[in-house]
């Protein structure tokens, strides 16, 4: 049995996420095993949420390859300081 590259895609089941899933699947080769985790549906063992936390996922869709969050998916998510600088919580 040959080793396959493990591609994990974390989604929320939304159209943007679905598009990413399709792009990843289309780009995958026979050496890639694509696993999709829909965090809205969760999973029986809660493995998907545990992995998302372990990888430090802050926004989705996100992709991990062989157990490492892809660089394009790192340091994303809501930045409260940036929101405050843009006016969040400040009276007009």
Protein backbone atom coordinates (compact mmCIF):
# COMPACT_ATOMS: atom_id res chain seq x y z
CA UNK A 1 0.00 0.00 0.00
CA UNK A 2 1.39 3.39 -0.97
CA UNK A 3 1.40 6.49 1.20
CA UNK A 4 -1.00 9.25 0.19
CA UNK A 5 -0.75 12.94 0.94
CA UNK A 6 -3.53 13.82 3.39
CA UNK A 7 -5.48 16.93 2.38
CA UNK A 8 -7.99 18.11 5.00
CA UNK A 9 -10.51 20.77 4.02
CA UNK A 10 -12.45 22.50 6.79
CA UNK A 11 -15.75 24.07 5.76
CA UNK A 12 -19.02 25.49 7.07
CA UNK A 13 -21.06 23.99 4.24
CA UNK A 14 -21.54 27.41 2.60
CA UNK A 15 -21.25 28.24 -1.13
CA UNK A 16 -17.79 29.82 -0.68
CA UNK A 17 -16.59 26.71 1.14
CA UNK A 18 -18.18 24.41 -1.44
CA UNK A 19 -16.30 26.21 -4.22
CA UNK A 20 -13.02 25.71 -2.34
CA UNK A 21 -13.77 22.01 -1.82
CA UNK A 22 -14.40 21.57 -5.54
CA UNK A 23 -11.19 23.44 -6.45
CA UNK A 24 -9.13 21.33 -4.05
CA UNK A 25 -10.68 18.10 -5.35
CA UNK A 26 -10.06 19.17 -8.96
CA UNK A 27 -6.41 19.99 -8.21
CA UNK A 28 -5.79 16.80 -6.23
CA UNK A 29 -3.80 14.02 -7.84
CA UNK A 30 -4.05 10.25 -7.31
CA UNK A 31 -1.48 10.61 -4.52
CA UNK A 32 -3.83 12.90 -2.57
CA UNK A 33 -6.50 11.77 -0.12
CA UNK A 34 -9.00 14.63 0.27
CA UNK A 35 -11.01 14.66 3.49
CA UNK A 36 -13.73 17.28 3.99
CA UNK A 37 -14.82 18.32 7.47
CA UNK A 38 -18.05 20.35 7.64
CA UNK A 39 -17.78 22.05 11.02
CA UNK A 40 -21.49 22.90 11.00
CA UNK A 41 -22.45 19.24 10.73
CA UNK A 42 -19.62 18.19 13.05
CA UNK A 43 -18.56 14.57 13.17
CA UNK A 44 -19.41 11.65 15.41
CA UNK A 45 -16.09 11.66 17.26
CA UNK A 46 -15.68 15.48 17.31
CA UNK A 47 -12.39 14.87 15.50
CA UNK A 48 -13.12 17.74 13.10
CA UNK A 49 -13.42 20.35 15.85
CA UNK A 50 -10.37 18.97 17.67
CA UNK A 51 -8.29 19.13 14.50
CA UNK A 52 -9.49 22.67 13.71
CA UNK A 53 -8.40 23.76 17.18
CA UNK A 54 -5.10 21.87 16.94
CA UNK A 55 -4.29 23.50 13.59
CA UNK A 56 -5.23 26.95 14.91
CA UNK A 57 -7.92 27.55 12.30
CA UNK A 58 -9.45 31.00 12.72
CA UNK A 59 -11.52 31.21 9.53
CA UNK A 60 -12.91 28.83 6.98
CA UNK A 61 -12.59 27.46 4.42
CA UNK A 62 -9.16 26.26 5.49
CA UNK A 63 -6.88 23.53 4.20
CA UNK A 64 -4.28 21.44 5.99
CA UNK A 65 -1.81 19.29 4.08
CA UNK A 66 -0.13 16.39 5.82
CA UNK A 67 -1.08 17.74 9.24
CA UNK A 68 0.00 21.35 8.69
CA UNK A 69 -2.27 24.30 8.01
CA UNK A 70 -1.47 25.75 4.59
CA UNK A 71 0.26 29.14 4.79
CA UNK A 72 -2.61 30.82 2.93
CA UNK A 73 -4.94 29.75 5.76
CA UNK A 74 -2.79 30.96 8.68
CA UNK A 75 -3.29 34.13 10.68
CA UNK A 76 -6.75 34.67 9.30
CA UNK A 77 -9.94 35.36 11.14
CA UNK A 78 -11.43 38.38 12.78
CA UNK A 79 -8.93 40.86 14.18
CA UNK A 80 -10.71 42.78 16.94
CA UNK A 81 -8.10 45.53 16.97
CA UNK A 82 -8.55 46.14 13.25
CA UNK A 83 -12.33 46.27 13.74
CA UNK A 84 -11.97 48.77 16.58
CA UNK A 85 -9.69 50.92 14.44
CA UNK A 86 -12.35 50.82 11.73
CA UNK A 87 -14.93 52.15 14.20
CA UNK A 88 -16.39 49.14 16.03
CA UNK A 89 -17.61 50.18 19.47
CA UNK A 90 -16.98 53.87 18.87
CA UNK A 91 -19.85 56.34 18.93
CA UNK A 92 -20.47 58.38 15.80
